[in-house]
Amino acid sequence: MRKYECTFIINPEKEEEERKQIVEEIKSYLEKNKVKVKNIDEWGIKQLAYEIDGHNNGFYTVINFESEPKKVNSFKGFLRKNVNVLRYIVVVKEK
């Protein structure tokens, strides 16, 4: 199992309750796929470096998790399909 970090940006127009639900859906997806979620850190609304889908701000969230490499591609596909996630990046924390 490798350690990963995923940073994703949620549409800033979503209300706090909706954002919590989106984060919970992402966490549930990971747990259903037997990925061990270590930490979730919500950074809040931050200004984006460039406009994304008409938004200048986004709600940043970071999830640290442990997973087998083959499950990470599936997770990326899940994030890509989520219309509330403006952008995401998944990086390996250590090998």
PDB file of N, CA and C in Angstrom:
ATOM      1  N   MET A   1       0.845  -1.184   0.000  1.00  0.00           N
ATOM      2  CA  MET A   1       0.000   0.000   0.000  1.00  0.00           C
ATOM      3  C   MET A   1       0.887   1.243   0.000  1.00  0.00           C
ATOM      4  N   ARG A   2       0.520   2.194  -0.822  1.00  0.00           N
ATOM      5  CA  ARG A   2       1.248   3.461  -0.897  1.00  0.00           C
ATOM      6  C   ARG A   2       0.419   4.574  -0.252  1.00  0.00           C
ATOM      7  N   LYS A   3       1.139   5.610   0.142  1.00  0.00           N
ATOM      8  CA  LYS A   3       0.471   6.785   0.708  1.00  0.00           C
ATOM      9  C   LYS A   3       0.264   7.806  -0.400  1.00  0.00           C
ATOM     10  N   TYR A   4      -0.952   8.364  -0.445  1.00  0.00           N
ATOM     11  CA  TYR A   4      -1.313   9.343  -1.451  1.00  0.00           C
ATOM     12  C   TYR A   4      -1.919  10.578  -0.790  1.00  0.00           C
ATOM     13  N   GLU A   5      -1.882  11.674  -1.546  1.00  0.00           N
ATOM     14  CA  GLU A   5      -2.553  12.892  -1.126  1.00  0.00           C
ATOM     15  C   GLU A   5      -3.364  13.386  -2.316  1.00  0.00           C
ATOM     16  N   CYS A   6      -4.629  13.675  -2.084  1.00  0.00           N
ATOM     17  CA  CYS A   6      -5.503  14.200  -3.127  1.00  0.00           C
ATOM     18  C   CYS A   6      -5.991  15.575  -2.701  1.00  0.00           C
ATOM     19  N   THR A   7      -5.741  16.564  -3.539  1.00  0.00           N
ATOM     20  CA  THR A   7      -6.282  17.901  -3.326  1.00  0.00           C
ATOM     21  C   THR A   7      -7.334  18.111  -4.405  1.00  0.00           C
ATOM     22  N   PHE A   8      -8.529  18.517  -3.980  1.00  0.00           N
ATOM     23  CA  PHE A   8      -9.575  18.789  -4.957  1.00  0.00           C
ATOM     24  C   PHE A   8     -10.291  20.082  -4.610  1.00  0.00           C
ATOM     25  N   ILE A   9     -10.873  20.692  -5.648  1.00  0.00           N
ATOM     26  CA  ILE A   9     -11.540  21.981  -5.516  1.00  0.00           C
ATOM     27  C   ILE A   9     -13.019  21.789  -5.837  1.00  0.00           C
ATOM     28  N   ILE A  10     -13.858  22.164  -4.871  1.00  0.00           N
ATOM     29  CA  ILE A  10     -15.308  22.047  -5.020  1.00  0.00           C
ATOM     30  C   ILE A  10     -15.871  23.392  -5.472  1.00  0.00           C
ATOM     31  N   ASN A  11     -16.903  23.345  -6.291  1.00  0.00           N
ATOM     32  CA  ASN A  11     -17.619  24.528  -6.747  1.00  0.00           C
ATOM     33  C   ASN A  11     -17.948  25.420  -5.538  1.00  0.00           C
ATOM     34  N   PRO A  12     -17.500  26.693  -5.536  1.00  0.00           N
ATOM     35  CA  PRO A  12     -17.698  27.562  -4.376  1.00  0.00           C
ATOM     36  C   PRO A  12     -19.145  28.018  -4.187  1.00  0.00           C
ATOM     37  N   GLU A  13     -19.997  27.797  -5.191  1.00  0.00           N
ATOM     38  CA  GLU A  13     -21.396  28.205  -5.079  1.00  0.00           C
ATOM     39  C   GLU A  13     -22.211  27.244  -4.218  1.00  0.00           C
ATOM     40  N   LYS A  14     -21.648  26.099  -3.899  1.00  0.00           N
ATOM     41  CA  LYS A  14     -22.348  25.120  -3.061  1.00  0.00           C
ATOM     42  C   LYS A  14     -22.392  25.616  -1.616  1.00  0.00           C
ATOM     43  N   GLU A  15     -23.519  25.391  -0.973  1.00  0.00           N
ATOM     44  CA  GLU A  15     -23.676  25.756   0.438  1.00  0.00           C
ATOM     45  C   GLU A  15     -22.833  24.820   1.297  1.00  0.00           C
ATOM     46  N   GLU A  16     -22.579  25.215   2.536  1.00  0.00           N
ATOM     47  CA  GLU A  16     -21.726  24.427   3.434  1.00  0.00           C
ATOM     48  C   GLU A  16     -22.226  22.986   3.569  1.00  0.00           C
ATOM     49  N   GLU A  17     -23.534  22.813   3.712  1.00  0.00           N
ATOM     50  CA  GLU A  17     -24.090  21.470   3.880  1.00  0.00           C
ATOM     51  C   GLU A  17     -23.850  20.623   2.635  1.00  0.00           C
ATOM     52  N   GLU A  18     -23.995  21.229   1.464  1.00  0.00           N
ATOM     53  CA  GLU A  18     -23.748  20.505   0.206  1.00  0.00           C
ATOM     54  C   GLU A  18     -22.275  20.124   0.090  1.00  0.00           C
ATOM     55  N   ARG A  19     -21.374  21.035   0.480  1.00  0.00           N
ATOM     56  CA  ARG A  19     -19.934  20.737   0.414  1.00  0.00           C
ATOM     57  C   ARG A  19     -19.586  19.570   1.338  1.00  0.00           C
ATOM     58  N   LYS A  20     -20.154  19.582   2.535  1.00  0.00           N
ATOM     59  CA  LYS A  20     -19.901  18.472   3.468  1.00  0.00           C
ATOM     60  C   LYS A  20     -20.386  17.157   2.887  1.00  0.00           C
ATOM     61  N   GLN A  21     -21.518  17.198   2.202  1.00  0.00           N
ATOM     62  CA  GLN A  21     -22.055  15.986   1.585  1.00  0.00           C
ATOM     63  C   GLN A  21     -21.144  15.501   0.453  1.00  0.00           C
ATOM     64  N   ILE A  22     -20.615  16.423  -0.333  1.00  0.00           N
ATOM     65  CA  ILE A  22     -19.706  16.052  -1.427  1.00  0.00           C
ATOM     66  C   ILE A  22     -18.448  15.397  -0.863  1.00  0.00           C
ATOM     67  N   VAL A  23     -17.870  15.999   0.186  1.00  0.00           N
ATOM     68  CA  VAL A  23     -16.669  15.431   0.814  1.00  0.00           C
ATOM     69  C   VAL A  23     -16.993  14.054   1.387  1.00  0.00           C
ATOM     70  N   GLU A  24     -18.159  13.914   1.998  1.00  0.00           N
ATOM     71  CA  GLU A  24     -18.556  12.630   2.573  1.00  0.00           C
ATOM     72  C   GLU A  24     -18.742  11.569   1.478  1.00  0.00           C
ATOM     73  N   GLU A  25     -19.296  11.956   0.325  1.00  0.00           N
ATOM     74  CA  GLU A  25     -19.452  11.021  -0.800  1.00  0.00           C
ATOM     75  C   GLU A  25     -18.090  10.526  -1.280  1.00  0.00           C
ATOM     76  N   ILE A  26     -17.125  11.440  -1.350  1.00  0.00           N
ATOM     77  CA  ILE A  26     -15.784  11.073  -1.801  1.00  0.00           C
ATOM     78  C   ILE A  26     -15.135  10.135  -0.788  1.00  0.00           C
ATOM     79  N   LYS A  27     -15.268  10.449   0.492  1.00  0.00           N
ATOM     80  CA  LYS A  27     -14.723   9.592   1.552  1.00  0.00           C
ATOM     81  C   LYS A  27     -15.391   8.210   1.509  1.00  0.00           C
ATOM     82  N   SER A  28     -16.707   8.182   1.350  1.00  0.00           N
ATOM     83  CA  SER A  28     -17.439   6.913   1.294  1.00  0.00           C
ATOM     84  C   SER A  28     -16.987   6.071   0.109  1.00  0.00           C
ATOM     85  N   TYR A  29     -16.752   6.728  -1.037  1.00  0.00           N
ATOM     86  CA  TYR A  29     -16.271   6.004  -2.214  1.00  0.00           C
ATOM     87  C   TYR A  29     -14.948   5.315  -1.905  1.00  0.00           C
ATOM     88  N   LEU A  30     -14.043   6.055  -1.284  1.00  0.00           N
ATOM     89  CA  LEU A  30     -12.734   5.476  -0.942  1.00  0.00           C
ATOM     90  C   LEU A  30     -12.892   4.297   0.014  1.00  0.00           C
ATOM     91  N   GLU A  31     -13.688   4.479   1.054  1.00  0.00           N
ATOM     92  CA  GLU A  31     -13.860   3.419   2.054  1.00  0.00           C
ATOM     93  C   GLU A  31     -14.536   2.187   1.463  1.00  0.00           C
ATOM     94  N   LYS A  32     -15.497   2.389   0.545  1.00  0.00           N
ATOM     95  CA  LYS A  32     -16.156   1.253  -0.107  1.00  0.00           C
ATOM     96  C   LYS A  32     -15.170   0.437  -0.925  1.00  0.00           C
ATOM     97  N   ASN A  33     -14.147   1.098  -1.441  1.00  0.00           N
ATOM     98  CA  ASN A  33     -13.130   0.428  -2.249  1.00  0.00           C
ATOM     99  C   ASN A  33     -11.928  -0.018  -1.418  1.00  0.00           C
ATOM    100  N   LYS A  34     -12.132  -0.098  -0.117  1.00  0.00           N
ATOM    101  CA  LYS A  34     -11.126  -0.594   0.829  1.00  0.00           C
ATOM    102  C   LYS A  34      -9.835   0.229   0.796  1.00  0.00           C
ATOM    103  N   VAL A  35     -10.013   1.548   0.700  1.00  0.00           N
ATOM    104  CA  VAL A  35      -8.908   2.496   0.771  1.00  0.00           C
ATOM    105  C   VAL A  35      -8.949   3.103   2.167  1.00  0.00           C
ATOM    106  N   LYS A  36      -7.799   3.162   2.811  1.00  0.00           N
ATOM    107  CA  LYS A  36      -7.743   3.659   4.185  1.00  0.00           C
ATOM    108  C   LYS A  36      -7.548   5.184   4.184  1.00  0.00           C
ATOM    109  N   VAL A  37      -8.592   5.908   4.598  1.00  0.00           N
ATOM    110  CA  VAL A  37      -8.529   7.375   4.675  1.00  0.00           C
ATOM    111  C   VAL A  37      -7.847   7.735   5.985  1.00  0.00           C
ATOM    112  N   LYS A  38      -6.743   8.480   5.877  1.00  0.00           N
ATOM    113  CA  LYS A  38      -5.962   8.861   7.057  1.00  0.00           C
ATOM    114  C   LYS A  38      -6.399  10.210   7.624  1.00  0.00           C
ATOM    115  N   ASN A  39      -6.672  11.177   6.728  1.00  0.00           N
ATOM    116  CA  ASN A  39      -6.949  12.531   7.189  1.00  0.00           C
ATOM    117  C   ASN A  39      -7.697  13.299   6.111  1.00  0.00           C
ATOM    118  N   ILE A  40      -8.625  14.152   6.539  1.00  0.00           N
ATOM    119  CA  ILE A  40      -9.311  15.065   5.637  1.00  0.00           C
ATOM    120  C   ILE A  40      -9.130  16.468   6.192  1.00  0.00           C
ATOM    121  N   ASP A  41      -8.604  17.350   5.365  1.00  0.00           N
ATOM    122  CA  ASP A  41      -8.331  18.722   5.788  1.00  0.00           C
ATOM    123  C   ASP A  41      -9.040  19.680   4.843  1.00  0.00           C
ATOM    124  N   GLU A  42     -10.021  20.409   5.355  1.00  0.00           N
ATOM    125  CA  GLU A  42     -10.760  21.373   4.550  1.00  0.00           C
ATOM    126  C   GLU A  42     -10.113  22.739   4.713  1.00  0.00           C
ATOM    127  N   TRP A  43      -9.587  23.273   3.617  1.00  0.00           N
ATOM    128  CA  TRP A  43      -8.889  24.565   3.648  1.00  0.00           C
ATOM    129  C   TRP A  43      -9.834  25.737   3.512  1.00  0.00           C
ATOM    130  N   GLY A  44     -11.011  25.505   2.971  1.00  0.00           N
ATOM    131  CA  GLY A  44     -11.974  26.579   2.775  1.00  0.00           C
ATOM    132  C   GLY A  44     -11.892  27.186   1.388  1.00  0.00           C
ATOM    133  N   ILE A  45     -12.576  28.303   1.215  1.00  0.00           N
ATOM    134  CA  ILE A  45     -12.621  28.961  -0.080  1.00  0.00           C
ATOM    135  C   ILE A  45     -11.367  29.800  -0.279  1.00  0.00           C
ATOM    136  N   LYS A  46     -10.707  29.552  -1.390  1.00  0.00           N
ATOM    137  CA  LYS A  46      -9.470  30.252  -1.757  1.00  0.00           C
ATOM    138  C   LYS A  46      -9.605  30.759  -3.195  1.00  0.00           C
ATOM    139  N   GLN A  47      -8.860  31.795  -3.493  1.00  0.00           N
ATOM    140  CA  GLN A  47      -8.842  32.311  -4.857  1.00  0.00           C
ATOM    141  C   GLN A  47      -8.050  31.362  -5.745  1.00  0.00           C
ATOM    142  N   LEU A  48      -8.573  31.127  -6.939  1.00  0.00           N
ATOM    143  CA  LEU A  48      -7.905  30.254  -7.900  1.00  0.00           C
ATOM    144  C   LEU A  48      -6.829  31.029  -8.653  1.00  0.00           C
ATOM    145  N   ALA A  49      -5.830  30.330  -9.126  1.00  0.00           N
ATOM    146  CA  ALA A  49      -4.762  30.949  -9.913  1.00  0.00           C
ATOM    147  C   ALA A  49      -5.292  31.415 -11.269  1.00  0.00           C
ATOM    148  N   TYR A  50      -6.303  30.721 -11.779  1.00  0.00           N
ATOM    149  CA  TYR A  50      -6.929  31.080 -13.043  1.00  0.00           C
ATOM    150  C   TYR A  50      -8.388  30.656 -12.984  1.00  0.00           C
ATOM    151  N   GLU A  51      -9.196  31.239 -13.816  1.00  0.00           N
ATOM    152  CA  GLU A  51     -10.623  30.954 -13.831  1.00  0.00           C
ATOM    153  C   GLU A  51     -10.881  29.527 -14.314  1.00  0.00           C
ATOM    154  N   ILE A  52     -11.769  28.824 -13.602  1.00  0.00           N
ATOM    155  CA  ILE A  52     -12.165  27.471 -13.981  1.00  0.00           C
ATOM    156  C   ILE A  52     -13.686  27.445 -14.075  1.00  0.00           C
ATOM    157  N   ASP A  53     -14.202  27.110 -15.231  1.00  0.00           N
ATOM    158  CA  ASP A  53     -15.655  27.031 -15.458  1.00  0.00           C
ATOM    159  C   ASP A  53     -16.385  28.276 -14.958  1.00  0.00           C
ATOM    160  N   GLY A  54     -15.787  29.436 -15.153  1.00  0.00           N
ATOM    161  CA  GLY A  54     -16.419  30.690 -14.751  1.00  0.00           C
ATOM    162  C   GLY A  54     -16.258  31.055 -13.283  1.00  0.00           C
ATOM    163  N   HIS A  55     -15.443  30.289 -12.553  1.00  0.00           N
ATOM    164  CA  HIS A  55     -15.235  30.540 -11.119  1.00  0.00           C
ATOM    165  C   HIS A  55     -13.837  31.085 -10.870  1.00  0.00           C
ATOM    166  N   ASN A  56     -13.760  32.085 -10.006  1.00  0.00           N
ATOM    167  CA  ASN A  56     -12.469  32.643  -9.600  1.00  0.00           C
ATOM    168  C   ASN A  56     -12.039  32.129  -8.229  1.00  0.00           C
ATOM    169  N   ASN A  57     -12.958  31.473  -7.509  1.00  0.00           N
ATOM    170  CA  ASN A  57     -12.693  30.905  -6.189  1.00  0.00           C
ATOM    171  C   ASN A  57     -13.101  29.441  -6.182  1.00  0.00           C
ATOM    172  N   GLY A  58     -12.603  28.703  -5.200  1.00  0.00           N
ATOM    173  CA  GLY A  58     -12.990  27.310  -5.045  1.00  0.00           C
ATOM    174  C   GLY A  58     -12.773  26.864  -3.607  1.00  0.00           C
ATOM    175  N   PHE A  59     -13.513  25.838  -3.203  1.00  0.00           N
ATOM    176  CA  PHE A  59     -13.388  25.283  -1.851  1.00  0.00           C
ATOM    177  C   PHE A  59     -12.388  24.130  -1.898  1.00  0.00           C
ATOM    178  N   TYR A  60     -11.228  24.347  -1.288  1.00  0.00           N
ATOM    179  CA  TYR A  60     -10.138  23.364  -1.319  1.00  0.00           C
ATOM    180  C   TYR A  60     -10.282  22.341  -0.199  1.00  0.00           C
ATOM    181  N   THR A  61     -10.040  21.087  -0.535  1.00  0.00           N
ATOM    182  CA  THR A  61     -10.039  19.991   0.434  1.00  0.00           C
ATOM    183  C   THR A  61      -8.877  19.065   0.099  1.00  0.00           C
ATOM    184  N   VAL A  62      -8.203  18.565   1.140  1.00  0.00           N
ATOM    185  CA  VAL A  62      -7.084  17.635   0.968  1.00  0.00           C
ATOM    186  C   VAL A  62      -7.414  16.353   1.723  1.00  0.00           C
ATOM    187  N   ILE A  63      -7.267  15.216   1.042  1.00  0.00           N
ATOM    188  CA  ILE A  63      -7.470  13.898   1.667  1.00  0.00           C
ATOM    189  C   ILE A  63      -6.168  13.120   1.567  1.00  0.00           C
ATOM    190  N   ASN A  64      -5.700  12.616   2.693  1.00  0.00           N
ATOM    191  CA  ASN A  64      -4.539  11.720   2.725  1.00  0.00           C
ATOM    192  C   ASN A  64      -5.073  10.304   2.899  1.00  0.00           C
ATOM    193  N   PHE A  65      -4.555   9.376   2.078  1.00  0.00           N
ATOM    194  CA  PHE A  65      -5.053   8.001   2.155  1.00  0.00           C
ATOM    195  C   PHE A  65      -3.977   7.016   1.743  1.00  0.00           C
ATOM    196  N   GLU A  66      -4.220   5.756   2.086  1.00  0.00           N
ATOM    197  CA  GLU A  66      -3.346   4.656   1.688  1.00  0.00           C
ATOM    198  C   GLU A  66      -4.137   3.745   0.760  1.00  0.00           C
ATOM    199  N   SER A  67      -3.497   3.358  -0.347  1.00  0.00           N
ATOM    200  CA  SER A  67      -4.204   2.563  -1.334  1.00  0.00           C
ATOM    201  C   SER A  67      -3.228   1.757  -2.172  1.00  0.00           C
ATOM    202  N   GLU A  68      -3.783   0.763  -2.847  1.00  0.00           N
ATOM    203  CA  GLU A  68      -3.033   0.054  -3.868  1.00  0.00           C
ATOM    204  C   GLU A  68      -3.060   0.933  -5.118  1.00  0.00           C
ATOM    205  N   PRO A  69      -1.969   0.983  -5.864  1.00  0.00           N
ATOM    206  CA  PRO A  69      -1.907   1.867  -7.037  1.00  0.00           C
ATOM    207  C   PRO A  69      -3.044   1.678  -8.043  1.00  0.00           C
ATOM    208  N   LYS A  70      -3.493   0.441  -8.251  1.00  0.00           N
ATOM    209  CA  LYS A  70      -4.533   0.206  -9.259  1.00  0.00           C
ATOM    210  C   LYS A  70      -5.875   0.839  -8.877  1.00  0.00           C
ATOM    211  N   LYS A  71      -6.125   1.062  -7.593  1.00  0.00           N
ATOM    212  CA  LYS A  71      -7.387   1.673  -7.164  1.00  0.00           C
ATOM    213  C   LYS A  71      -7.392   3.184  -7.363  1.00  0.00           C
ATOM    214  N   VAL A  72      -6.218   3.775  -7.502  1.00  0.00           N
ATOM    215  CA  VAL A  72      -6.118   5.231  -7.648  1.00  0.00           C
ATOM    216  C   VAL A  72      -6.698   5.685  -8.982  1.00  0.00           C
ATOM    217  N   ASN A  73      -6.478   4.935 -10.048  1.00  0.00           N
ATOM    218  CA  ASN A  73      -7.043   5.301 -11.356  1.00  0.00           C
ATOM    219  C   ASN A  73      -8.564   5.299 -11.320  1.00  0.00           C
ATOM    220  N   SER A  74      -9.138   4.336 -10.633  1.00  0.00           N
ATOM    221  CA  SER A  74     -10.585   4.285 -10.470  1.00  0.00           C
ATOM    222  C   SER A  74     -11.083   5.504  -9.696  1.00  0.00           C
ATOM    223  N   PHE A  75     -10.345   5.896  -8.661  1.00  0.00           N
ATOM    224  CA  PHE A  75     -10.694   7.067  -7.861  1.00  0.00           C
ATOM    225  C   PHE A  75     -10.634   8.341  -8.714  1.00  0.00           C
ATOM    226  N   LYS A  76      -9.617   8.456  -9.555  1.00  0.00           N
ATOM    227  CA  LYS A  76      -9.499   9.614 -10.444  1.00  0.00           C
ATOM    228  C   LYS A  76     -10.701   9.684 -11.390  1.00  0.00           C
ATOM    229  N   GLY A  77     -11.126   8.541 -11.885  1.00  0.00           N
ATOM    230  CA  GLY A  77     -12.311   8.496 -12.749  1.00  0.00           C
ATOM    231  C   GLY A  77     -13.557   8.956 -12.020  1.00  0.00           C
ATOM    232  N   PHE A  78     -13.681   8.556 -10.764  1.00  0.00           N
ATOM    233  CA  PHE A  78     -14.812   8.974  -9.935  1.00  0.00           C
ATOM    234  C   PHE A  78     -14.812  10.497  -9.764  1.00  0.00           C
ATOM    235  N   LEU A  79     -13.647  11.078  -9.483  1.00  0.00           N
ATOM    236  CA  LEU A  79     -13.554  12.534  -9.310  1.00  0.00           C
ATOM    237  C   LEU A  79     -13.840  13.258 -10.623  1.00  0.00           C
ATOM    238  N   ARG A  80     -13.353  12.708 -11.724  1.00  0.00           N
ATOM    239  CA  ARG A  80     -13.543  13.329 -13.036  1.00  0.00           C
ATOM    240  C   ARG A  80     -15.034  13.420 -13.383  1.00  0.00           C
ATOM    241  N   LYS A  81     -15.809  12.435 -12.975  1.00  0.00           N
ATOM    242  CA  LYS A  81     -17.247  12.398 -13.279  1.00  0.00           C
ATOM    243  C   LYS A  81     -18.075  13.278 -12.346  1.00  0.00           C
ATOM    244  N   ASN A  82     -17.514  13.690 -11.219  1.00  0.00           N
ATOM    245  CA  ASN A  82     -18.248  14.493 -10.245  1.00  0.00           C
ATOM    246  C   ASN A  82     -18.313  15.943 -10.732  1.00  0.00           C
ATOM    247  N   VAL A  83     -19.506  16.408 -11.086  1.00  0.00           N
ATOM    248  CA  VAL A  83     -19.671  17.754 -11.645  1.00  0.00           C
ATOM    249  C   VAL A  83     -19.380  18.858 -10.635  1.00  0.00           C
ATOM    250  N   ASN A  84     -19.367  18.537  -9.353  1.00  0.00           N
ATOM    251  CA  ASN A  84     -19.100  19.533  -8.310  1.00  0.00           C
ATOM    252  C   ASN A  84     -17.611  19.737  -8.050  1.00  0.00           C
ATOM    253  N   VAL A  85     -16.774  18.845  -8.574  1.00  0.00           N
ATOM    254  CA  VAL A  85     -15.325  18.955  -8.404  1.00  0.00           C
ATOM    255  C   VAL A  85     -14.758  19.671  -9.626  1.00  0.00           C
ATOM    256  N   LEU A  86     -14.229  20.886  -9.403  1.00  0.00           N
ATOM    257  CA  LEU A  86     -13.698  21.681 -10.510  1.00  0.00           C
ATOM    258  C   LEU A  86     -12.364  21.136 -11.008  1.00  0.00           C
ATOM    259  N   ARG A  87     -11.470  20.800 -10.074  1.00  0.00           N
ATOM    260  CA  ARG A  87     -10.154  20.244 -10.394  1.00  0.00           C
ATOM    261  C   ARG A  87      -9.713  19.327  -9.251  1.00  0.00           C
ATOM    262  N   TYR A  88      -8.775  18.444  -9.577  1.00  0.00           N
ATOM    263  CA  TYR A  88      -8.201  17.569  -8.552  1.00  0.00           C
ATOM    264  C   TYR A  88      -6.792  17.186  -8.971  1.00  0.00           C
ATOM    265  N   ILE A  89      -6.014  16.777  -8.002  1.00  0.00           N
ATOM    266  CA  ILE A  89      -4.699  16.205  -8.273  1.00  0.00           C
ATOM    267  C   ILE A  89      -4.437  15.150  -7.200  1.00  0.00           C
ATOM    268  N   VAL A  90      -3.906  14.025  -7.625  1.00  0.00           N
ATOM    269  CA  VAL A  90      -3.524  12.943  -6.712  1.00  0.00           C
ATOM    270  C   VAL A  90      -2.027  12.720  -6.864  1.00  0.00           C
ATOM    271  N   VAL A  91      -1.312  12.780  -5.753  1.00  0.00           N
ATOM    272  CA  VAL A  91       0.141  12.571  -5.782  1.00  0.00           C
ATOM    273  C   VAL A  91       0.536  11.479  -4.792  1.00  0.00           C
ATOM    274  N   VAL A  92       1.634  10.785  -5.119  1.00  0.00           N
ATOM    275  CA  VAL A  92       2.194   9.779  -4.212  1.00  0.00           C
ATOM    276  C   VAL A  92       3.029  10.532  -3.169  1.00  0.00           C
ATOM    277  N   LYS A  93       2.771  10.247  -1.886  1.00  0.00           N
ATOM    278  CA  LYS A  93       3.508  10.929  -0.826  1.00  0.00           C
ATOM    279  C   LYS A  93       4.849  10.306  -0.573  1.00  0.00           C
ATOM    280  N   GLU A  94       4.926   8.975  -0.730  1.00  0.00           N
ATOM    281  CA  GLU A  94       6.207   8.266  -0.570  1.00  0.00           C
ATOM    282  C   GLU A  94       6.127   6.941  -1.291  1.00  0.00           C
ATOM    283  N   LYS A  95       7.249   6.406  -1.653  1.00  0.00           N
ATOM    284  CA  LYS A  95       7.258   5.112  -2.359  1.00  0.00           C
ATOM    285  C   LYS A  95       7.694   4.011  -1.423  1.00  0.00           C
TER     286      LYS A  95
END
